[in-house]
Amino acid sequence: MKQNDLTPTSVTNEPDAPSLGMLITMVRSEIVRAIEAELASQGLDLSFTQYLILKKSQQLGAVSATELARAVELDGGAMTRQLDQLERKGYLRRSPHEQDRRALRIELTEAGSTIWQNTASVCSQRVMNAAQRSLNPAEQAQLHDYLERMLQAFRDKN
């Protein structure tokens, strides 16, 4: 083990202060809760997971269910249930793949695209603005940089 691998996980001397990992977990939980509340306040019956699926569908365009599941970090069974619900709501459709008739492509319907553009993305932006209101622009940029570097450190296996 390298010496720099032994650095402390807490940056505070307060014994009851939450660890960095716990703080990140609590922030994520609050973001999920706030986005779901914001969506509900706009009359949208969407879970956070369904919100993520719509977001990734908007970003990626038509993709396979496997690709979409990987993008939102769901297993196949959970993804199928979510897709079924979003399809019933009229936000997604499964279409045959042009080159592989055994495969399906998942894509937003017009209603799904409209919901995303007019409501869901706006709700998300409101929540993130509120979450960062105590940070000045330089601190926001620093936090973003720190989190991106942490994520990259986890993804770099070497």
C-alpha atoms as a PDB file:
ATOM      1  CA  MET A   1       0.000   0.000   0.000  1.00  0.00           C
ATOM      2  CA  LYS A   2       1.321   3.450  -0.896  1.00  0.00           C
ATOM      3  CA  GLN A   3       1.789   6.055   1.796  1.00  0.00           C
ATOM      4  CA  ASN A   4      -0.808   8.406   0.270  1.00  0.00           C
ATOM      5  CA  ASP A   5      -3.383   5.591   0.486  1.00  0.00           C
ATOM      6  CA  LEU A   6      -3.276   5.982   4.275  1.00  0.00           C
ATOM      7  CA  THR A   7      -4.572   9.544   4.461  1.00  0.00           C
ATOM      8  CA  PRO A   8      -7.466  10.083   6.863  1.00  0.00           C
ATOM      9  CA  THR A   9     -11.016   9.763   5.554  1.00  0.00           C
ATOM     10  CA  SER A  10     -12.298  12.609   7.731  1.00  0.00           C
ATOM     11  CA  VAL A  11     -11.160  16.192   7.387  1.00  0.00           C
ATOM     12  CA  THR A  12     -12.706  17.408  10.625  1.00  0.00           C
ATOM     13  CA  ASN A  13     -11.577  16.920  14.195  1.00  0.00           C
ATOM     14  CA  GLU A  14     -15.161  16.678  15.456  1.00  0.00           C
ATOM     15  CA  PRO A  15     -15.791  13.092  16.600  1.00  0.00           C
ATOM     16  CA  ASP A  16     -19.496  13.109  15.640  1.00  0.00           C
ATOM     17  CA  ALA A  17     -19.021  14.736  12.229  1.00  0.00           C
ATOM     18  CA  PRO A  18     -20.193  12.559   9.331  1.00  0.00           C
ATOM     19  CA  SER A  19     -17.526  11.098   7.102  1.00  0.00           C
ATOM     20  CA  LEU A  20     -17.129  12.270   3.523  1.00  0.00           C
ATOM     21  CA  GLY A  21     -18.804   9.074   2.307  1.00  0.00           C
ATOM     22  CA  MET A  22     -21.772   9.619   4.607  1.00  0.00           C
ATOM     23  CA  LEU A  23     -22.082  13.253   3.518  1.00  0.00           C
ATOM     24  CA  ILE A  24     -22.124  12.230  -0.150  1.00  0.00           C
ATOM     25  CA  THR A  25     -24.771   9.595   0.614  1.00  0.00           C
ATOM     26  CA  MET A  26     -26.917  12.107   2.506  1.00  0.00           C
ATOM     27  CA  VAL A  27     -26.599  14.711  -0.267  1.00  0.00           C
ATOM     28  CA  ARG A  28     -27.660  12.133  -2.868  1.00  0.00           C
ATOM     29  CA  SER A  29     -30.656  11.139  -0.752  1.00  0.00           C
ATOM     30  CA  GLU A  30     -31.720  14.767  -0.403  1.00  0.00           C
ATOM     31  CA  ILE A  31     -31.356  15.346  -4.148  1.00  0.00           C
ATOM     32  CA  VAL A  32     -33.538  12.295  -4.879  1.00  0.00           C
ATOM     33  CA  ARG A  33     -36.158  13.422  -2.340  1.00  0.00           C
ATOM     34  CA  ALA A  34     -36.154  17.012  -3.617  1.00  0.00           C
ATOM     35  CA  ILE A  35     -36.423  16.035  -7.296  1.00  0.00           C
ATOM     36  CA  GLU A  36     -39.296  13.633  -6.578  1.00  0.00           C
ATOM     37  CA  ALA A  37     -41.077  16.346  -4.545  1.00  0.00           C
ATOM     38  CA  GLU A  38     -40.522  18.907  -7.289  1.00  0.00           C
ATOM     39  CA  LEU A  39     -41.835  16.511  -9.955  1.00  0.00           C
ATOM     40  CA  ALA A  40     -44.902  15.770  -7.808  1.00  0.00           C
ATOM     41  CA  SER A  41     -45.529  19.499  -7.290  1.00  0.00           C
ATOM     42  CA  GLN A  42     -45.734  19.824 -11.082  1.00  0.00           C
ATOM     43  CA  GLY A  43     -48.235  16.969 -11.306  1.00  0.00           C
ATOM     44  CA  LEU A  44     -45.776  14.408 -12.659  1.00  0.00           C
ATOM     45  CA  ASP A  45     -46.097  10.852 -11.402  1.00  0.00           C
ATOM     46  CA  LEU A  46     -42.419   9.952 -11.845  1.00  0.00           C
ATOM     47  CA  SER A  47     -39.981   8.259  -9.493  1.00  0.00           C
ATOM     48  CA  PHE A  48     -36.369   9.406  -9.439  1.00  0.00           C
ATOM     49  CA  THR A  49     -35.409   6.277 -11.405  1.00  0.00           C
ATOM     50  CA  GLN A  50     -38.002   7.070 -14.075  1.00  0.00           C
ATOM     51  CA  TYR A  51     -36.735  10.654 -14.173  1.00  0.00           C
ATOM     52  CA  LEU A  52     -33.199   9.317 -14.794  1.00  0.00           C
ATOM     53  CA  ILE A  53     -34.444   7.031 -17.572  1.00  0.00           C
ATOM     54  CA  LEU A  54     -36.162   9.960 -19.294  1.00  0.00           C
ATOM     55  CA  LYS A  55     -33.035  12.086 -18.888  1.00  0.00           C
ATOM     56  CA  LYS A  56     -30.750   9.417 -20.365  1.00  0.00           C
ATOM     57  CA  SER A  57     -33.235   8.716 -23.168  1.00  0.00           C
ATOM     58  CA  GLN A  58     -33.208  12.407 -24.036  1.00  0.00           C
ATOM     59  CA  GLN A  59     -29.396  12.468 -24.008  1.00  0.00           C
ATOM     60  CA  LEU A  60     -28.739   9.173 -25.810  1.00  0.00           C
ATOM     61  CA  GLY A  61     -31.620   8.966 -28.274  1.00  0.00           C
ATOM     62  CA  ALA A  62     -32.828   5.533 -29.364  1.00  0.00           C
ATOM     63  CA  VAL A  63     -30.803   2.810 -27.611  1.00  0.00           C
ATOM     64  CA  SER A  64     -31.256  -0.785 -26.541  1.00  0.00           C
ATOM     65  CA  ALA A  65     -32.750  -1.556 -23.155  1.00  0.00           C
ATOM     66  CA  THR A  66     -29.365  -2.965 -22.114  1.00  0.00           C
ATOM     67  CA  GLU A  67     -27.567   0.260 -23.034  1.00  0.00           C
ATOM     68  CA  LEU A  68     -30.157   2.334 -21.207  1.00  0.00           C
ATOM     69  CA  ALA A  69     -30.031   0.060 -18.145  1.00  0.00           C
ATOM     70  CA  ARG A  70     -26.251   0.409 -18.039  1.00  0.00           C
ATOM     71  CA  ALA A  71     -26.534   4.202 -18.344  1.00  0.00           C
ATOM     72  CA  VAL A  72     -28.864   4.434 -15.318  1.00  0.00           C
ATOM     73  CA  GLU A  73     -27.189   1.570 -13.430  1.00  0.00           C
ATOM     74  CA  LEU A  74     -30.173  -0.810 -13.259  1.00  0.00           C
ATOM     75  CA  ASP A  75     -30.284  -4.566 -13.695  1.00  0.00           C
ATOM     76  CA  GLY A  76     -32.346  -6.037 -16.530  1.00  0.00           C
ATOM     77  CA  GLY A  77     -35.385  -6.990 -14.455  1.00  0.00           C
ATOM     78  CA  ALA A  78     -35.659  -3.594 -12.769  1.00  0.00           C
ATOM     79  CA  MET A  79     -35.207  -1.873 -16.121  1.00  0.00           C
ATOM     80  CA  THR A  80     -37.996  -3.905 -17.737  1.00  0.00           C
ATOM     81  CA  ARG A  81     -40.413  -2.920 -14.950  1.00  0.00           C
ATOM     82  CA  GLN A  82     -39.504   0.748 -15.284  1.00  0.00           C
ATOM     83  CA  LEU A  83     -39.809   0.657 -19.076  1.00  0.00           C
ATOM     84  CA  ASP A  84     -43.217  -1.008 -18.797  1.00  0.00           C
ATOM     85  CA  GLN A  85     -44.430   1.775 -16.487  1.00  0.00           C
ATOM     86  CA  LEU A  86     -43.017   4.565 -18.649  1.00  0.00           C
ATOM     87  CA  GLU A  87     -44.489   2.969 -21.771  1.00  0.00           C
ATOM     88  CA  ARG A  88     -47.935   2.788 -20.085  1.00  0.00           C
ATOM     89  CA  LYS A  89     -47.619   6.477 -19.217  1.00  0.00           C
ATOM     90  CA  GLY A  90     -46.916   7.198 -22.885  1.00  0.00           C
ATOM     91  CA  TYR A  91     -43.392   8.578 -22.337  1.00  0.00           C
ATOM     92  CA  LEU A  92     -41.342   5.805 -23.989  1.00  0.00           C
ATOM     93  CA  ARG A  93     -41.817   3.336 -26.801  1.00  0.00           C
ATOM     94  CA  ARG A  94     -40.072   0.163 -27.834  1.00  0.00           C
ATOM     95  CA  SER A  95     -39.411   0.096 -31.561  1.00  0.00           C
ATOM     96  CA  PRO A  96     -37.863  -2.634 -33.710  1.00  0.00           C
ATOM     97  CA  HIS A  97     -34.175  -2.195 -34.443  1.00  0.00           C
ATOM     98  CA  GLU A  98     -33.552  -1.389 -38.117  1.00  0.00           C
ATOM     99  CA  GLN A  99     -30.675  -3.874 -38.581  1.00  0.00           C
ATOM    100  CA  ASP A 100     -31.496  -6.555 -36.004  1.00  0.00           C
ATOM    101  CA  ARG A 101     -35.132  -7.619 -35.953  1.00  0.00           C
ATOM    102  CA  ARG A 102     -34.584  -9.529 -32.678  1.00  0.00           C
ATOM    103  CA  ALA A 103     -33.630  -6.307 -30.886  1.00  0.00           C
ATOM    104  CA  LEU A 104     -35.701  -3.357 -29.724  1.00  0.00           C
ATOM    105  CA  ARG A 105     -34.764   0.290 -29.429  1.00  0.00           C
ATOM    106  CA  ILE A 106     -36.067   2.404 -26.566  1.00  0.00           C
ATOM    107  CA  GLU A 107     -36.900   5.985 -27.397  1.00  0.00           C
ATOM    108  CA  LEU A 108     -38.857   8.893 -26.013  1.00  0.00           C
ATOM    109  CA  THR A 109     -42.293   9.505 -27.451  1.00  0.00           C
ATOM    110  CA  GLU A 110     -43.321  13.039 -28.310  1.00  0.00           C
ATOM    111  CA  ALA A 111     -45.093  13.204 -24.932  1.00  0.00           C
ATOM    112  CA  GLY A 112     -41.948  11.965 -23.174  1.00  0.00           C
ATOM    113  CA  SER A 113     -39.783  14.531 -24.919  1.00  0.00           C
ATOM    114  CA  THR A 114     -42.244  17.298 -24.071  1.00  0.00           C
ATOM    115  CA  ILE A 115     -42.430  16.220 -20.416  1.00  0.00           C
ATOM    116  CA  TRP A 116     -38.647  16.177 -20.222  1.00  0.00           C
ATOM    117  CA  GLN A 117     -38.074  19.525 -21.919  1.00  0.00           C
ATOM    118  CA  ASN A 118     -40.943  21.467 -20.350  1.00  0.00           C
ATOM    119  CA  THR A 119     -41.097  20.053 -16.842  1.00  0.00           C
ATOM    120  CA  ALA A 120     -38.631  17.395 -15.674  1.00  0.00           C
ATOM    121  CA  SER A 121     -35.439  19.202 -16.691  1.00  0.00           C
ATOM    122  CA  VAL A 122     -36.788  22.450 -15.196  1.00  0.00           C
ATOM    123  CA  CYS A 123     -37.574  20.666 -11.908  1.00  0.00           C
ATOM    124  CA  SER A 124     -34.073  19.242 -11.831  1.00  0.00           C
ATOM    125  CA  GLN A 125     -32.497  22.640 -12.459  1.00  0.00           C
ATOM    126  CA  ARG A 126     -34.565  24.224  -9.667  1.00  0.00           C
ATOM    127  CA  VAL A 127     -33.434  21.544  -7.223  1.00  0.00           C
ATOM    128  CA  MET A 128     -29.768  21.868  -8.164  1.00  0.00           C
ATOM    129  CA  ASN A 129     -29.930  25.677  -7.959  1.00  0.00           C
ATOM    130  CA  ALA A 130     -31.433  25.416  -4.465  1.00  0.00           C
ATOM    131  CA  ALA A 131     -28.814  22.867  -3.420  1.00  0.00           C
ATOM    132  CA  GLN A 132     -25.995  25.194  -4.453  1.00  0.00           C
ATOM    133  CA  ARG A 133     -27.465  28.507  -3.294  1.00  0.00           C
ATOM    134  CA  SER A 134     -25.010  28.770  -0.387  1.00  0.00           C
ATOM    135  CA  LEU A 135     -22.030  28.418  -2.741  1.00  0.00           C
ATOM    136  CA  ASN A 136     -20.582  31.226  -4.807  1.00  0.00           C
ATOM    137  CA  PRO A 137     -19.756  30.478  -8.474  1.00  0.00           C
ATOM    138  CA  ALA A 138     -16.100  29.702  -7.707  1.00  0.00           C
ATOM    139  CA  GLU A 139     -17.107  27.245  -4.963  1.00  0.00           C
ATOM    140  CA  GLN A 140     -19.637  25.618  -7.291  1.00  0.00           C
ATOM    141  CA  ALA A 141     -16.917  25.127  -9.897  1.00  0.00           C
ATOM    142  CA  GLN A 142     -14.536  23.759  -7.234  1.00  0.00           C
ATOM    143  CA  LEU A 143     -17.130  21.299  -5.931  1.00  0.00           C
ATOM    144  CA  HIS A 144     -17.833  20.117  -9.475  1.00  0.00           C
ATOM    145  CA  ASP A 145     -14.106  19.671 -10.084  1.00  0.00           C
ATOM    146  CA  TYR A 146     -13.609  17.743  -6.832  1.00  0.00           C
ATOM    147  CA  LEU A 147     -16.519  15.398  -7.510  1.00  0.00           C
ATOM    148  CA  GLU A 148     -15.404  14.768 -11.092  1.00  0.00           C
ATOM    149  CA  ARG A 149     -11.894  13.923  -9.884  1.00  0.00           C
ATOM    150  CA  MET A 150     -13.259  11.556  -7.231  1.00  0.00           C
ATOM    151  CA  LEU A 151     -15.440   9.845  -9.823  1.00  0.00           C
ATOM    152  CA  GLN A 152     -12.487   9.514 -12.181  1.00  0.00           C
ATOM    153  CA  ALA A 153     -10.359   8.061  -9.374  1.00  0.00           C
ATOM    154  CA  PHE A 154     -12.993   5.362  -8.797  1.00  0.00           C
ATOM    155  CA  ARG A 155     -13.222   4.604 -12.506  1.00  0.00           C
ATOM    156  CA  ASP A 156      -9.440   4.432 -12.997  1.00  0.00           C
ATOM    157  CA  LYS A 157      -8.558   0.934 -11.914  1.00  0.00           C
ATOM    158  CA  ASN A 158      -4.826   1.365 -12.566  1.00  0.00           C
END
